[in-house]
Amino acid sequence: MRIRTLLALVLLALVASCATAPRQTRNICAVFDQRDGLFTNWQRAAERTEKKYGVPVPILMATMYTESGFQPNARPPRTKLFGFIPWTRPSTAYGYSQALDGTWDHYQSATGNWAARRTNFADAIDFIGWYHSQNSQMTGIPLNDAYRLYLAYYSGPKGYMRGDWQSNPQLQKTAQRFANMAATYQQQLQGCN
């Protein structure tokens, strides 16, 4: 009986640790150290995605940091009706990658990964790599150009090519912070064990 209880507690602790964001998110080595488990190995998943799509690990991880702060159930905040009644959300963005419903459906269809979930790190990082790769092919943005990749990630490839981002100074600031985080992650990654 005690062994069952102990196993149940260990399993519960494993599941709980997967459902929360890492405590230290501004250091890629710390993020990977915090998620270096038997079932959940973020570094291995990120490296697998880099190999598959050609998007550097620091850009993949900076995307997730910027979009969700590594929160698996992240959603945009609800709008307020009459300034105080919680109302609808401004978009269907959800999960680690903040992928919209339609874009996620397209990813599942294009990759055949029908079981993929936006709340699963490995699935979400694969989506991010796939989407950056698609945007690169459609727009000609190099896969190591963090600033422009983020603009296309946020605006979509058509919005990026139309230049929608040019009239959005807040998006440009966010893209610059994103590029800075990707550069920081790149520098840190070289010193990870």
Foldseek 3Di string as FASTA:
>chain_A
DVVVVVVVVVVVVVVVLLQAQQPDLLFPLSRQVSQCDPVGGLVVLLVVLCVVQVADSLLLSLQLCLPAVRHAFDAAAADADVRHHGDHGPFQQTGSNRDGPVLVVVVCVVVVVVVQDRSHSSSVSNSLSVQLSVLCVLQVDDSLPQLLSQVCSVLPNVRVVVVVCVVPVVSSVSSVVSNVSSVNNVVSVVVRD
